[in-house]
Every structure is written in C-alpha cells, then in structure tokens.
C-alpha atoms as a PDB file:
ATOM      1  CA  MET A   1       0.108   0.086  -0.153  1.00  0.00           C
ATOM      2  CA  ALA A   2       1.195   3.601  -0.952  1.00  0.00           C
ATOM      3  CA  THR A   3       0.870   4.746   2.842  1.00  0.00           C
ATOM      4  CA  LYS A   4       4.175   2.945   3.801  1.00  0.00           C
ATOM      5  CA  ILE A   5       6.348   3.318   1.359  1.00  0.00           C
ATOM      6  CA  GLY A   6      10.094   4.187   1.570  1.00  0.00           C
ATOM      7  CA  MET A   7      12.178   7.334   0.662  1.00  0.00           C
ATOM      8  CA  MET A   8      14.218   5.128  -1.705  1.00  0.00           C
ATOM      9  CA  ASP A   9      10.948   4.323  -3.423  1.00  0.00           C
ATOM     10  CA  SER A  10      10.402   4.407  -7.058  1.00  0.00           C
ATOM     11  CA  ALA A  11       7.121   6.963  -6.645  1.00  0.00           C
ATOM     12  CA  TYR A  12       9.660   9.493  -5.288  1.00  0.00           C
ATOM     13  CA  PHE A  13      11.572   9.637  -8.499  1.00  0.00           C
ATOM     14  CA  VAL A  14       9.052  10.883 -10.630  1.00  0.00           C
ATOM     15  CA  GLY A  15       9.887  14.346 -12.181  1.00  0.00           C
ATOM     16  CA  ARG A  16       8.529  16.949 -11.797  1.00  0.00           C
ATOM     17  CA  SER A  17       6.456  17.801 -15.646  1.00  0.00           C
ATOM     18  CA  GLU A  18       5.091  13.927 -14.717  1.00  0.00           C
ATOM     19  CA  ILE A  19       3.138  15.409 -11.615  1.00  0.00           C
ATOM     20  CA  LEU A  20       2.142  18.322 -13.874  1.00  0.00           C
ATOM     21  CA  ALA A  21       0.548  16.372 -15.715  1.00  0.00           C
ATOM     22  CA  TRP A  22      -1.179  14.129 -14.354  1.00  0.00           C
ATOM     23  CA  ILE A  23      -2.615  16.403 -12.054  1.00  0.00           C
ATOM     24  CA  ASN A  24      -3.575  18.760 -14.750  1.00  0.00           C
ATOM     25  CA  SER A  25      -5.230  15.720 -16.722  1.00  0.00           C
ATOM     26  CA  THR A  26      -6.535  14.123 -14.298  1.00  0.00           C
ATOM     27  CA  LEU A  27      -8.571  17.506 -12.421  1.00  0.00           C
ATOM     28  CA  HIS A  28      -8.776  19.292 -15.651  1.00  0.00           C
ATOM     29  CA  LEU A  29      -6.428  22.347 -14.479  1.00  0.00           C
ATOM     30  CA  ASN A  30      -3.246  24.621 -16.077  1.00  0.00           C
ATOM     31  CA  LEU A  31      -1.196  24.226 -12.807  1.00  0.00           C
ATOM     32  CA  SER A  32       2.657  25.126 -14.195  1.00  0.00           C
ATOM     33  CA  LYS A  33       4.364  24.521 -11.086  1.00  0.00           C
ATOM     34  CA  VAL A  34       4.214  21.900  -7.902  1.00  0.00           C
ATOM     35  CA  GLU A  35       4.125  24.383  -5.528  1.00  0.00           C
ATOM     36  CA  GLU A  36       1.212  25.877  -7.024  1.00  0.00           C
ATOM     37  CA  ALA A  37      -0.923  23.274  -5.452  1.00  0.00           C
ATOM     38  CA  ALA A  38       0.214  24.292  -1.659  1.00  0.00           C
ATOM     39  CA  SER A  39      -2.832  25.178  -0.514  1.00  0.00           C
ATOM     40  CA  GLY A  40      -3.993  21.674  -0.063  1.00  0.00           C
ATOM     41  CA  ALA A  41      -7.139  22.064  -2.673  1.00  0.00           C
ATOM     42  CA  VAL A  42      -6.126  19.989  -5.281  1.00  0.00           C
ATOM     43  CA  GLN A  43      -5.120  17.426  -2.785  1.00  0.00           C
ATOM     44  CA  CYS A  44      -8.602  17.288  -1.648  1.00  0.00           C
ATOM     45  CA  GLN A  45      -9.951  16.716  -4.417  1.00  0.00           C
ATOM     46  CA  LEU A  46      -7.317  13.815  -5.760  1.00  0.00           C
ATOM     47  CA  MET A  47      -9.023  11.926  -2.488  1.00  0.00           C
ATOM     48  CA  ASP A  48     -12.362  12.911  -4.054  1.00  0.00           C
ATOM     49  CA  ALA A  49     -11.373  11.708  -7.291  1.00  0.00           C
ATOM     50  CA  VAL A  50     -10.317   8.601  -6.252  1.00  0.00           C
ATOM     51  CA  HIS A  51     -12.854   8.032  -3.241  1.00  0.00           C
ATOM     52  CA  PRO A  52     -15.924   9.669  -5.294  1.00  0.00           C
ATOM     53  CA  GLY A  53     -17.885  11.108  -2.730  1.00  0.00           C
ATOM     54  CA  ILE A  54     -15.614  10.794   0.836  1.00  0.00           C
ATOM     55  CA  VAL A  55     -14.349  14.876   0.591  1.00  0.00           C
ATOM     56  CA  PRO A  56     -17.111  17.539   1.147  1.00  0.00           C
ATOM     57  CA  MET A  57     -15.582  19.447  -1.151  1.00  0.00           C
ATOM     58  CA  HIS A  58     -18.229  22.396  -0.317  1.00  0.00           C
ATOM     59  CA  LYS A  59     -15.171  23.047   2.857  1.00  0.00           C
ATOM     60  CA  VAL A  60     -12.276  22.996   0.490  1.00  0.00           C
ATOM     61  CA  ASN A  61     -11.450  26.488  -0.973  1.00  0.00           C
ATOM     62  CA  PHE A  62      -9.462  26.373  -4.329  1.00  0.00           C
ATOM     63  CA  ASP A  63      -9.247  30.479  -3.574  1.00  0.00           C
ATOM     64  CA  ALA A  64      -6.703  30.047  -0.132  1.00  0.00           C
ATOM     65  CA  LYS A  65      -4.389  32.687  -0.525  1.00  0.00           C
ATOM     66  CA  ASN A  66      -3.613  32.775   3.869  1.00  0.00           C
ATOM     67  CA  GLU A  67      -1.823  30.668   5.269  1.00  0.00           C
ATOM     68  CA  TYR A  68      -5.460  29.642   8.060  1.00  0.00           C
ATOM     69  CA  GLU A  69      -7.086  29.282   4.820  1.00  0.00           C
ATOM     70  CA  MET A  70      -4.880  26.273   3.256  1.00  0.00           C
ATOM     71  CA  ILE A  71      -4.465  24.877   6.712  1.00  0.00           C
ATOM     72  CA  GLN A  72      -8.511  24.338   6.775  1.00  0.00           C
ATOM     73  CA  ASN A  73      -8.037  23.078   3.678  1.00  0.00           C
ATOM     74  CA  TYR A  74      -5.810  20.235   4.967  1.00  0.00           C
ATOM     75  CA  LYS A  75      -7.872  19.655   8.314  1.00  0.00           C
ATOM     76  CA  VAL A  76     -10.159  18.188   5.443  1.00  0.00           C
ATOM     77  CA  LEU A  77      -7.399  16.255   4.197  1.00  0.00           C
ATOM     78  CA  GLN A  78      -6.179  15.006   7.474  1.00  0.00           C
ATOM     79  CA  ASP A  79      -9.791  14.208   7.595  1.00  0.00           C
ATOM     80  CA  VAL A  80     -10.104  11.993   4.725  1.00  0.00           C
ATOM     81  CA  PHE A  81      -7.255  10.506   5.684  1.00  0.00           C
ATOM     82  CA  ASN A  82      -8.671   8.964   9.141  1.00  0.00           C
ATOM     83  CA  LYS A  83     -11.899   7.873   7.356  1.00  0.00           C
ATOM     84  CA  LEU A  84      -9.538   5.816   5.350  1.00  0.00           C
ATOM     85  CA  LYS A  85      -7.206   4.890   8.080  1.00  0.00           C
ATOM     86  CA  ILE A  86      -3.925   6.122   6.046  1.00  0.00           C
ATOM     87  CA  THR A  87      -1.775   6.872   8.959  1.00  0.00           C
ATOM     88  CA  LYS A  88       0.366   9.439   6.310  1.00  0.00           C
ATOM     89  CA  HIS A  89       1.848  11.880   8.065  1.00  0.00           C
ATOM     90  CA  ILE A  90       0.693  15.577   6.446  1.00  0.00           C
ATOM     91  CA  GLU A  91       3.890  18.067   7.252  1.00  0.00           C
ATOM     92  CA  VAL A  92       1.335  21.193   6.889  1.00  0.00           C
ATOM     93  CA  ASN A  93       4.000  23.685   8.149  1.00  0.00           C
ATOM     94  CA  LYS A  94       6.447  23.083   5.053  1.00  0.00           C
ATOM     95  CA  LEU A  95       3.939  22.751   2.301  1.00  0.00           C
ATOM     96  CA  ILE A  96       1.678  25.898   3.459  1.00  0.00           C
ATOM     97  CA  LYS A  97       5.354  28.181   2.964  1.00  0.00           C
ATOM     98  CA  GLY A  98       5.067  26.503  -0.735  1.00  0.00           C
ATOM     99  CA  ARG A  99       8.778  24.830  -0.953  1.00  0.00           C
ATOM    100  CA  PRO A 100       9.312  23.308  -4.280  1.00  0.00           C
ATOM    101  CA  LEU A 101      10.637  20.023  -2.859  1.00  0.00           C
ATOM    102  CA  ASP A 102       8.282  19.405  -0.138  1.00  0.00           C
ATOM    103  CA  ASN A 103       5.702  20.262  -2.153  1.00  0.00           C
ATOM    104  CA  LEU A 104       6.641  17.520  -5.006  1.00  0.00           C
ATOM    105  CA  GLU A 105       7.295  14.926  -2.348  1.00  0.00           C
ATOM    106  CA  PHE A 106       4.092  14.718  -0.749  1.00  0.00           C
ATOM    107  CA  MET A 107       2.651  15.361  -4.803  1.00  0.00           C
ATOM    108  CA  GLN A 108       4.735  12.050  -5.955  1.00  0.00           C
ATOM    109  CA  TRP A 109       3.391  10.338  -2.748  1.00  0.00           C
ATOM    110  CA  MET A 110      -0.244  10.979  -4.126  1.00  0.00           C
ATOM    111  CA  LYS A 111       0.423   9.862  -7.175  1.00  0.00           C
ATOM    112  CA  LYS A 112       1.691   6.554  -5.834  1.00  0.00           C
ATOM    113  CA  TYR A 113      -1.243   6.236  -3.397  1.00  0.00           C
ATOM    114  CA  CYS A 114      -3.863   6.848  -6.413  1.00  0.00           C
ATOM    115  CA  ASP A 115      -2.303   4.408  -9.033  1.00  0.00           C
ATOM    116  CA  SER A 116      -2.462   2.228  -6.311  1.00  0.00           C
ATOM    117  CA  VAL A 117      -6.478   2.421  -5.975  1.00  0.00           C
ATOM    118  CA  ASN A 118      -8.348   0.492  -8.813  1.00  0.00           C
ATOM    119  CA  GLY A 119      -5.063   0.745 -10.737  1.00  0.00           C
ATOM    120  CA  GLY A 120      -5.024   4.502 -11.139  1.00  0.00           C
ATOM    121  CA  LEU A 121      -8.158   4.668 -13.278  1.00  0.00           C
ATOM    122  CA  LEU A 122     -10.641   7.221 -12.583  1.00  0.00           C
ATOM    123  CA  LEU A 123     -14.651   6.194 -12.932  1.00  0.00           C
ATOM    124  CA  ASN A 124     -16.169   7.817 -16.133  1.00  0.00           C
ATOM    125  CA  SER A 125     -19.079   9.313 -14.201  1.00  0.00           C
ATOM    126  CA  TYR A 126     -16.557  11.507 -12.272  1.00  0.00           C
ATOM    127  CA  ASN A 127     -16.336  14.911 -13.443  1.00  0.00           C
ATOM    128  CA  PRO A 128     -13.997  17.101 -11.887  1.00  0.00           C
ATOM    129  CA  VAL A 129     -14.818  20.807 -13.311  1.00  0.00           C
ATOM    130  CA  GLU A 130     -18.499  19.691 -11.367  1.00  0.00           C
ATOM    131  CA  ARG A 131     -17.155  18.421  -8.403  1.00  0.00           C
ATOM    132  CA  ARG A 132     -15.268  21.683  -7.985  1.00  0.00           C
ATOM    133  CA  GLU A 133     -18.153  24.160  -8.523  1.00  0.00           C
ATOM    134  CA  ALA A 134     -19.429  23.245  -4.563  1.00  0.00           C
ATOM    135  CA  CYS A 135     -15.801  24.681  -3.418  1.00  0.00           C
ATOM    136  CA  LYS A 136     -14.593  28.105  -2.971  1.00  0.00           C
ATOM    137  CA  GLY A 137     -13.153  29.449  -5.925  1.00  0.00           C
ATOM    138  CA  GLY A 138     -13.745  26.283  -7.882  1.00  0.00           C
ATOM    139  CA  LYS A 139     -15.853  27.814 -10.531  1.00  0.00           C
ATOM    140  CA  GLU A 140     -12.794  30.272 -11.578  1.00  0.00           C
ATOM    141  CA  VAL A 141     -10.663  27.193 -11.299  1.00  0.00           C
ATOM    142  CA  GLY A 142     -12.465  25.255 -13.865  1.00  0.00           C
ATOM    143  CA  LYS A 143     -12.841  28.614 -16.208  1.00  0.00           C
ATOM    144  CA  LYS A 144      -9.635  28.771 -17.036  1.00  0.00           C
ATOM    145  CA  PRO A 145      -8.457  26.106 -18.800  1.00  0.00           C
ATOM    146  CA  ALA A 146     -11.797  27.215 -21.064  1.00  0.00           C
ATOM    147  CA  ALA A 147     -11.310  30.757 -21.414  1.00  0.00           C
ATOM    148  CA  SER A 148      -7.096  30.001 -22.556  1.00  0.00           C
ATOM    149  CA  GLN A 149      -9.400  27.669 -25.284  1.00  0.00           C
ATOM    150  CA  ALA A 150     -11.272  30.210 -27.024  1.00  0.00           C
ATOM    151  CA  CYS A 151      -8.376  32.001 -27.406  1.00  0.00           C
ATOM    152  CA  SER A 152      -6.314  29.682 -29.055  1.00  0.00           C
ATOM    153  CA  LYS A 153      -9.256  28.768 -31.597  1.00  0.00           C
ATOM    154  CA  PRO A 154      -8.488  29.990 -35.091  1.00  0.00           C
ATOM    155  CA  ASN A 155     -11.183  31.997 -36.953  1.00  0.00           C
ATOM    156  CA  SER A 156     -10.040  30.774 -40.406  1.00  0.00           C
ATOM    157  CA  GLY A 157      -8.477  28.012 -41.493  1.00  0.00           C
ATOM    158  CA  THR A 158      -5.860  30.526 -43.536  1.00  0.00           C
ATOM    159  CA  ASN A 159      -4.521  32.082 -40.217  1.00  0.00           C
ATOM    160  CA  ARG A 160      -5.219  28.299 -38.315  1.00  0.00           C
ATOM    161  CA  PRO A 161      -1.133  28.287 -38.826  1.00  0.00           C
ATOM    162  CA  HIS A 162      -0.430  32.282 -37.139  1.00  0.00           C
ATOM    163  CA  SER A 163      -2.921  32.076 -34.602  1.00  0.00           C
ATOM    164  CA  SER A 164      -1.653  29.425 -32.992  1.00  0.00           C
ATOM    165  CA  HIS A 165       1.726  30.151 -33.177  1.00  0.00           C
ATOM    166  CA  GLY A 166       0.606  33.620 -31.525  1.00  0.00           C
ATOM    167  CA  SER A 167      -1.646  32.370 -28.876  1.00  0.00           C
ATOM    168  CA  ARG A 168       1.571  29.930 -28.102  1.00  0.00           C
ATOM    169  CA  ARG A 169       4.071  32.897 -28.203  1.00  0.00           C
ATOM    170  CA  THR A 170       1.165  35.066 -25.623  1.00  0.00           C
ATOM    171  CA  GLU A 171       1.061  32.183 -23.705  1.00  0.00           C
ATOM    172  CA  GLY A 172       4.833  31.877 -23.072  1.00  0.00           C
ATOM    173  CA  SER A 173       5.537  35.322 -22.760  1.00  0.00           C
ATOM    174  CA  SER A 174       2.285  35.734 -19.810  1.00  0.00           C
ATOM    175  CA  VAL A 175       3.933  32.019 -18.345  1.00  0.00           C
ATOM    176  CA  ASN A 176       7.671  33.754 -18.050  1.00  0.00           C
ATOM    177  CA  ALA A 177       5.849  36.975 -16.449  1.00  0.00           C
ATOM    178  CA  THR A 178       4.593  35.071 -13.959  1.00  0.00           C
ATOM    179  CA  ASN A 179       7.647  32.904 -13.016  1.00  0.00           C
ATOM    180  CA  GLN A 180       9.421  35.868 -13.047  1.00  0.00           C
ATOM    181  CA  SER A 181       6.863  37.724 -10.334  1.00  0.00           C
ATOM    182  CA  LEU A 182       6.996  34.554  -8.374  1.00  0.00           C
ATOM    183  CA  LYS A 183      11.151  34.521  -8.783  1.00  0.00           C
ATOM    184  CA  VAL A 184      11.261  38.161  -7.629  1.00  0.00           C
ATOM    185  CA  ALA A 185       8.155  37.781  -5.142  1.00  0.00           C
ATOM    186  CA  LYS A 186      10.385  34.625  -3.650  1.00  0.00           C
ATOM    187  CA  PRO A 187      13.465  36.208  -2.758  1.00  0.00           C
ATOM    188  CA  ASN A 188      11.646  39.279  -1.235  1.00  0.00           C
ATOM    189  CA  SER A 189       9.546  37.155   0.970  1.00  0.00           C
ATOM    190  CA  ASN A 190      12.486  35.136   1.745  1.00  0.00           C
ATOM    191  CA  ILE A 191      14.434  38.736   2.751  1.00  0.00           C
ATOM    192  CA  VAL A 192      11.545  39.710   4.881  1.00  0.00           C
ATOM    193  CA  ALA A 193      11.414  36.645   6.795  1.00  0.00           C
ATOM    194  CA  ALA A 194      15.161  36.545   7.316  1.00  0.00           C
ATOM    195  CA  TYR A 195      15.075  40.451   8.785  1.00  0.00           C
ATOM    196  CA  GLU A 196      12.329  39.480  10.816  1.00  0.00           C
ATOM    197  CA  GLU A 197      14.107  36.460  12.366  1.00  0.00           C
ATOM    198  CA  GLN A 198      17.000  38.923  13.121  1.00  0.00           C
ATOM    199  CA  VAL A 199      14.687  41.639  14.516  1.00  0.00           C
ATOM    200  CA  SER A 200      13.476  39.196  16.840  1.00  0.00           C
ATOM    201  CA  PHE A 201      16.633  37.517  17.706  1.00  0.00           C
ATOM    202  CA  ALA A 202      17.720  40.947  18.503  1.00  0.00           C
ATOM    203  CA  SER A 203      14.856  42.321  20.585  1.00  0.00           C
ATOM    204  CA  LEU A 204      15.269  39.026  22.456  1.00  0.00           C
ATOM    205  CA  THR A 205      19.139  38.910  22.639  1.00  0.00           C
ATOM    206  CA  HIS A 206      18.547  42.405  24.132  1.00  0.00           C
ATOM    207  CA  LEU A 207      15.467  41.681  27.193  1.00  0.00           C
ATOM    208  CA  ILE A 208      18.124  38.619  27.932  1.00  0.00           C
ATOM    209  CA  LEU A 209      20.847  41.887  28.384  1.00  0.00           C
ATOM    210  CA  THR A 210      18.630  43.631  30.127  1.00  0.00           C
ATOM    211  CA  SER A 211      17.709  41.313  32.119  1.00  0.00           C
ATOM    212  CA  MET A 212      20.664  40.132  33.310  1.00  0.00           C
ATOM    213  CA  GLU A 213      22.140  43.557  34.326  1.00  0.00           C
ATOM    214  CA  GLN A 214      19.129  44.018  36.493  1.00  0.00           C
ATOM    215  CA  ILE A 215      19.991  40.767  37.820  1.00  0.00           C
ATOM    216  CA  THR A 216      23.156  42.176  38.949  1.00  0.00           C
ATOM    217  CA  GLU A 217      21.731  45.288  40.521  1.00  0.00           C
ATOM    218  CA  LEU A 218      19.469  43.397  42.603  1.00  0.00           C
ATOM    219  CA  LYS A 219      22.457  41.006  43.932  1.00  0.00           C
ATOM    220  CA  LEU A 220      25.119  43.598  44.212  1.00  0.00           C
ATOM    221  CA  SER A 221      21.930  45.839  46.372  1.00  0.00           C
ATOM    222  CA  VAL A 222      21.307  42.631  48.457  1.00  0.00           C
ATOM    223  CA  ASP A 223      24.615  42.375  49.282  1.00  0.00           C
ATOM    224  CA  SER A 224      25.269  45.784  50.574  1.00  0.00           C
ATOM    225  CA  LEU A 225      22.060  45.633  52.385  1.00  0.00           C
ATOM    226  CA  GLU A 226      23.225  42.191  54.028  1.00  0.00           C
ATOM    227  CA  LYS A 227      25.978  43.521  55.173  1.00  0.00           C
ATOM    228  CA  GLU A 228      24.958  46.828  56.806  1.00  0.00           C
ATOM    229  CA  ARG A 229      22.584  44.798  58.628  1.00  0.00           C
ATOM    230  CA  ASP A 230      25.184  42.447  59.835  1.00  0.00           C
ATOM    231  CA  PHE A 231      27.275  45.571  60.995  1.00  0.00           C
ATOM    232  CA  TYR A 232      24.635  46.896  63.058  1.00  0.00           C
ATOM    233  CA  PHE A 233      23.621  43.390  64.712  1.00  0.00           C
ATOM    234  CA  SER A 234      27.104  43.444  65.933  1.00  0.00           C
ATOM    235  CA  LYS A 235      26.776  46.326  67.560  1.00  0.00           C
ATOM    236  CA  LEU A 236      23.419  46.081  69.072  1.00  0.00           C
ATOM    237  CA  ARG A 237      25.478  42.593  70.748  1.00  0.00           C
ATOM    238  CA  ASP A 238      28.047  44.551  71.740  1.00  0.00           C
ATOM    239  CA  ILE A 239      25.244  47.173  73.818  1.00  0.00           C
ATOM    240  CA  GLU A 240      23.855  43.575  75.195  1.00  0.00           C
ATOM    241  CA  ILE A 241      27.313  41.991  75.934  1.00  0.00           C
ATOM    242  CA  LEU A 242      27.932  45.468  78.195  1.00  0.00           C
ATOM    243  CA  CYS A 243      24.868  45.914  79.640  1.00  0.00           C
ATOM    244  CA  GLN A 244      25.312  42.236  81.490  1.00  0.00           C
ATOM    245  CA  THR A 245      28.320  43.279  82.791  1.00  0.00           C
ATOM    246  CA  PRO A 246      27.504  42.426  86.591  1.00  0.00           C
ATOM    247  CA  GLU A 247      28.867  45.609  87.934  1.00  0.00           C
ATOM    248  CA  ILE A 248      26.142  48.394  86.092  1.00  0.00           C
ATOM    249  CA  GLU A 249      23.990  45.863  85.221  1.00  0.00           C
ATOM    250  CA  ASN A 250      21.287  46.889  88.073  1.00  0.00           C
ATOM    251  CA  SER A 251      21.110  50.690  87.005  1.00  0.00           C
ATOM    252  CA  PRO A 252      18.328  52.314  85.797  1.00  0.00           C
ATOM    253  CA  ILE A 253      20.236  52.762  82.312  1.00  0.00           C
ATOM    254  CA  VAL A 254      20.853  49.876  81.674  1.00  0.00           C
ATOM    255  CA  GLU A 255      17.259  48.074  82.734  1.00  0.00           C
ATOM    256  CA  ALA A 256      16.140  50.826  79.948  1.00  0.00           C
ATOM    257  CA  ILE A 257      18.568  49.817  77.156  1.00  0.00           C
ATOM    258  CA  GLN A 258      17.427  46.380  77.537  1.00  0.00           C
ATOM    259  CA  LYS A 259      14.314  47.381  77.850  1.00  0.00           C
ATOM    260  CA  ILE A 260      14.243  48.744  74.393  1.00  0.00           C
ATOM    261  CA  LEU A 261      16.678  46.132  73.063  1.00  0.00           C
ATOM    262  CA  TYR A 262      14.349  43.108  73.758  1.00  0.00           C
ATOM    263  CA  ALA A 263      10.847  44.592  72.795  1.00  0.00           C
ATOM    264  CA  THR A 264       9.195  42.392  70.456  1.00  0.00           C
ATOM    265  CA  ASP A 265       6.968  45.176  69.242  1.00  0.00           C
ATOM    266  CA  ASP A 266       7.966  48.029  66.735  1.00  0.00           C
ATOM    267  CA  ASN A 267       5.688  50.700  68.882  1.00  0.00           C
ATOM    268  CA  SER A 268       7.416  54.619  69.771  1.00  0.00           C
ATOM    269  CA  SER A 269       6.261  53.805  73.200  1.00  0.00           C
ATOM    270  CA  VAL A 270       8.856  51.587  74.541  1.00  0.00           C
ATOM    271  CA  VAL A 271      10.815  54.626  74.330  1.00  0.00           C
ATOM    272  CA  LEU A 272       8.706  56.557  76.231  1.00  0.00           C
ATOM    273  CA  GLU A 273       8.694  54.008  78.649  1.00  0.00           C
ATOM    274  CA  ALA A 274      12.598  53.532  79.094  1.00  0.00           C
ATOM    275  CA  GLN A 275      12.667  57.137  79.385  1.00  0.00           C
ATOM    276  CA  ALA A 276      10.527  57.547  82.202  1.00  0.00           C
ATOM    277  CA  MET A 277      11.480  54.211  83.677  1.00  0.00           C
ATOM    278  CA  VAL A 278      14.973  56.126  84.163  1.00  0.00           C
ATOM    279  CA  VAL A 279      13.682  59.420  85.530  1.00  0.00           C
ATOM    280  CA  GLN A 280      11.552  58.022  88.116  1.00  0.00           C
ATOM    281  CA  ARG A 281      14.706  56.025  89.037  1.00  0.00           C
ATOM    282  CA  MET A 282      17.105  58.913  89.375  1.00  0.00           C
ATOM    283  CA  LYS A 283      14.485  60.542  91.563  1.00  0.00           C
ATOM    284  CA  HIS A 284      14.433  58.324  94.009  1.00  0.00           C
ATOM    285  CA  LEU A 285      18.315  58.455  93.634  1.00  0.00           C
ATOM    286  CA  SER A 286      19.497  62.066  93.782  1.00  0.00           C
ATOM    287  CA  PRO A 287      22.385  63.204  95.540  1.00  0.00           C
ATOM    288  CA  ILE A 288      20.478  65.178  98.248  1.00  0.00           C
ATOM    289  CA  ALA A 289      18.375  62.433  99.161  1.00  0.00           C
ATOM    290  CA  GLU A 290      21.385  59.842  99.728  1.00  0.00           C
ATOM    291  CA  VAL A 291      23.666  62.223 101.686  1.00  0.00           C
ATOM    292  CA  ALA A 292      20.287  63.101 103.881  1.00  0.00           C
ATOM    293  CA  GLU A 293      19.579  59.318 104.547  1.00  0.00           C
ATOM    294  CA  GLU A 294      23.657  59.106 105.192  1.00  0.00           C
ATOM    295  CA  ASN A 295      23.698  61.702 107.879  1.00  0.00           C
ATOM    296  CA  VAL A 296      20.381  60.217 109.494  1.00  0.00           C
ATOM    297  CA  MET A 297      21.780  57.037 109.617  1.00  0.00           C
ATOM    298  CA  VAL A 298      24.831  57.883 110.764  1.00  0.00           C
ATOM    299  CA  GLU A 299      23.311  59.944 113.619  1.00  0.00           C
ATOM    300  CA  ASN A 300      21.355  57.358 114.781  1.00  0.00           C
ATOM    301  CA  GLN A 301      24.176  54.810 115.044  1.00  0.00           C
ATOM    302  CA  LYS A 302      26.130  57.551 116.757  1.00  0.00           C
ATOM    303  CA  ARG A 303      22.903  58.067 119.500  1.00  0.00           C
ATOM    304  CA  LYS A 304      22.593  54.679 120.122  1.00  0.00           C
ATOM    305  CA  SER A 305      26.657  54.335 120.572  1.00  0.00           C
ATOM    306  CA  LEU A 306      26.042  57.059 123.545  1.00  0.00           C
ATOM    307  CA  ASP A 307      23.256  55.127 124.814  1.00  0.00           C
ATOM    308  CA  VAL A 308      24.578  51.914 124.909  1.00  0.00           C
ATOM    309  CA  SER A 309      27.866  51.212 125.155  1.00  0.00           C
ATOM    310  CA  SER A 310      29.202  54.128 127.741  1.00  0.00           C
ATOM    311  CA  PRO A 311      27.930  53.016 131.157  1.00  0.00           C
ATOM    312  CA  ALA A 312      29.448  56.726 132.742  1.00  0.00           C
ATOM    313  CA  ASN A 313      26.586  58.639 131.262  1.00  0.00           C
ATOM    314  CA  ALA A 314      23.742  57.054 132.569  1.00  0.00           C
ATOM    315  CA  LYS A 315      25.291  58.621 136.004  1.00  0.00           C
ATOM    316  CA  LEU A 316      25.288  62.325 134.458  1.00  0.00           C
ATOM    317  CA  PRO A 317      22.355  64.523 135.257  1.00  0.00           C
ATOM    318  CA  GLN A 318      19.474  64.920 132.404  1.00  0.00           C
ATOM    319  CA  ARG A 319      20.812  68.296 131.104  1.00  0.00           C
ATOM    320  CA  GLN A 320      24.081  67.320 129.982  1.00  0.00           C
ATOM    321  CA  ARG A 321      23.421  64.007 128.721  1.00  0.00           C
ATOM    322  CA  LEU A 322      21.366  66.173 126.410  1.00  0.00           C
ATOM    323  CA  SER A 323      24.064  68.655 125.559  1.00  0.00           C
ATOM    324  CA  ASP A 324      26.246  65.728 124.975  1.00  0.00           C
ATOM    325  CA  VAL A 325      23.610  64.878 122.112  1.00  0.00           C
ATOM    326  CA  SER A 326      22.992  68.130 121.167  1.00  0.00           C
ATOM    327  CA  ASN A 327      27.053  68.876 120.523  1.00  0.00           C
ATOM    328  CA  VAL A 328      27.637  65.618 118.614  1.00  0.00           C
ATOM    329  CA  GLN A 329      24.671  66.780 116.209  1.00  0.00           C
ATOM    330  CA  CYS A 330      25.590  70.334 115.798  1.00  0.00           C
ATOM    331  CA  SER A 331      29.478  68.860 114.840  1.00  0.00           C
ATOM    332  CA  ASP A 332      28.472  66.587 112.068  1.00  0.00           C
ATOM    333  CA  SER A 333      25.710  68.289 110.420  1.00  0.00           C
ATOM    334  CA  PRO A 334      26.801  69.621 106.950  1.00  0.00           C
ATOM    335  CA  LEU A 335      23.067  71.616 106.357  1.00  0.00           C
ATOM    336  CA  ILE A 336      23.730  73.915 110.178  1.00  0.00           C
ATOM    337  CA  SER A 337      26.304  77.305 110.066  1.00  0.00           C
ATOM    338  CA  PHE A 338      27.559  78.990 112.693  1.00  0.00           C
END
C-alpha cells in the first residue's frame, strides 16, 4: 500500500513535469508549478477523484491565499485520511510555505497512492469541473482552461498556423512573466522572513541582557543590605554584652536599654516607657536625698553608741546628757552654719 512507501521507492523519482501532467489531466487544471498546489485544495480533489463522495468539497477552498485558509484545507484532507485509515503524516507547516521540494514529495506520494487504488483508473462518471463548483473559488479555477482554449481557437483556415503560434507565444510570455514575478517575490519574501527573524533574535538578546543587568544590580543591592544588617547587628550585640556586666547590670539606664533591645513590638511607646523608668529611678537616687539619708543613719548609730556603750553617761544628770547629744548633732551636720 502507498501509505507505507519508503524514501527510496520509485514513487519519489517521478519528475515534476510528469506530476504536473498527471494533475492537470486528472482534474482538468493548468498548473505550471507543483508548489501551486500548496493550498491543499488539489490534494483534496485528488482524494475525491479516487474515492468519490468521501471528501466534503463544499469545505475545500481553491481560492486560499492565507495560511489559516490553507490549514483549513489540510484539516479536511486529514479527516479523509482518518476515515480511510491512512497513516501518512501531513507536514502542513512545510507545505503551506510553498517550498517546491516539500510539495513535490507530497504530490509524488499522492500519485503513488492514487495509482494503487483501482490501478489509477477513475470512474467515467466523475466530472472534476462539476465537483469543483461546490468549492469556494472552484468555478474560477474551472473556467481558466476553457478561456485559454477559446482564445487559442482560429477564426479561419488560412490564419490557423499564425493564430496558434501567436497564442503559444502569448501564453509563453505570460508564463515567463508569471515565473519572473514569482522568482522576484520569493527572494523578497525570504529576505523579509530572514529580517524578521534577525529582528526578533536581536530583541530577544537585548531583553536577556537587560534582565541579566537588572539581576546583577539586585544582587549587589542585596549584598550591601546584608553587610549593613550584619554591621548594626554586631553593634547591638556589643551593647547587649556590655549591659550584662555585673557592676552595671542593675542600674536604671541599663534596664532601660535592655527594655528597648528586647522589645518585640515596633512601637515608639517603648522608648517613652524606658525614659520614664529612668527618670523615676533617678528621682529616688538624687545626691541630696542620698546625703540626707546617710546623715540620718550616722546620727542614729552615734546616738545608740552614746546610750548603750557609755555606762558613765548614765550617772550624769539628764541636762548634761542632752547637751552632749546636741553638741554631737551640731558638730556633724553639714546643713547647720555657725
């Protein structure tokens, strides 16, 4: 079966001219190049010719110019292949580009398959022009051969050789002009495609370089922030170690600093509370209060020593003992002036 032919099969050694002659004679067309069948409509009608009625010809578009229209024709062809259980892979992306070699290989496979069905013989009742009328753009395709034949008919017997030669010359010139226009248009399209690929590659390269520069800047900023964080953390750790010194651990200032260091909430009230705590503790430990407290303690100790440790004082009169005590108080008090 032609669905499993290899690349070295004789089918792939059939020339372009033979393929074109087979297509034109089978479907009553006038193709001059194999790549003119890149739209997929010709392949659909070839399958309709060997399997009449299996192809929904009303879905085939002979006037397909855009890629999405060509893809629709190949979808119809793929559905026919699935119905017939044909495992041939259709390389749609290559065929719609209009590359001669890709289209030639696919048409060679089509010829091999059509020849394998009923020996390549078509039914006498099959009319390709009539079947094309149901397609979009099929009527115009069917009229082209008739119009060319009408133009080539002679008006009289004497002018027959001249008119036929002139018609051939005009046909040849039109074909040459078409070929030249296609040759000019194809390189231009290739140049445009190459330019678009180059532009897209350049834009992609620029985007990658820009992204890499941004990533490098972000890494540098992260490194600097980490260094700054470590620096200030080490300072706070030094302050914490200093506050844990036994000589100053219980001082009000150290307690206030520790309150700020160990605060879990990011709130400004913590600083205010620490300041209030320091002020309150400093009021109790003011220098004047400390001196007064120390004087009272000293006086109490001296009074006790006079009353308890001196038995001779007990024999003295009460007035003299009071005078001695007053003399002691006046001599040691820093707040009495003489």
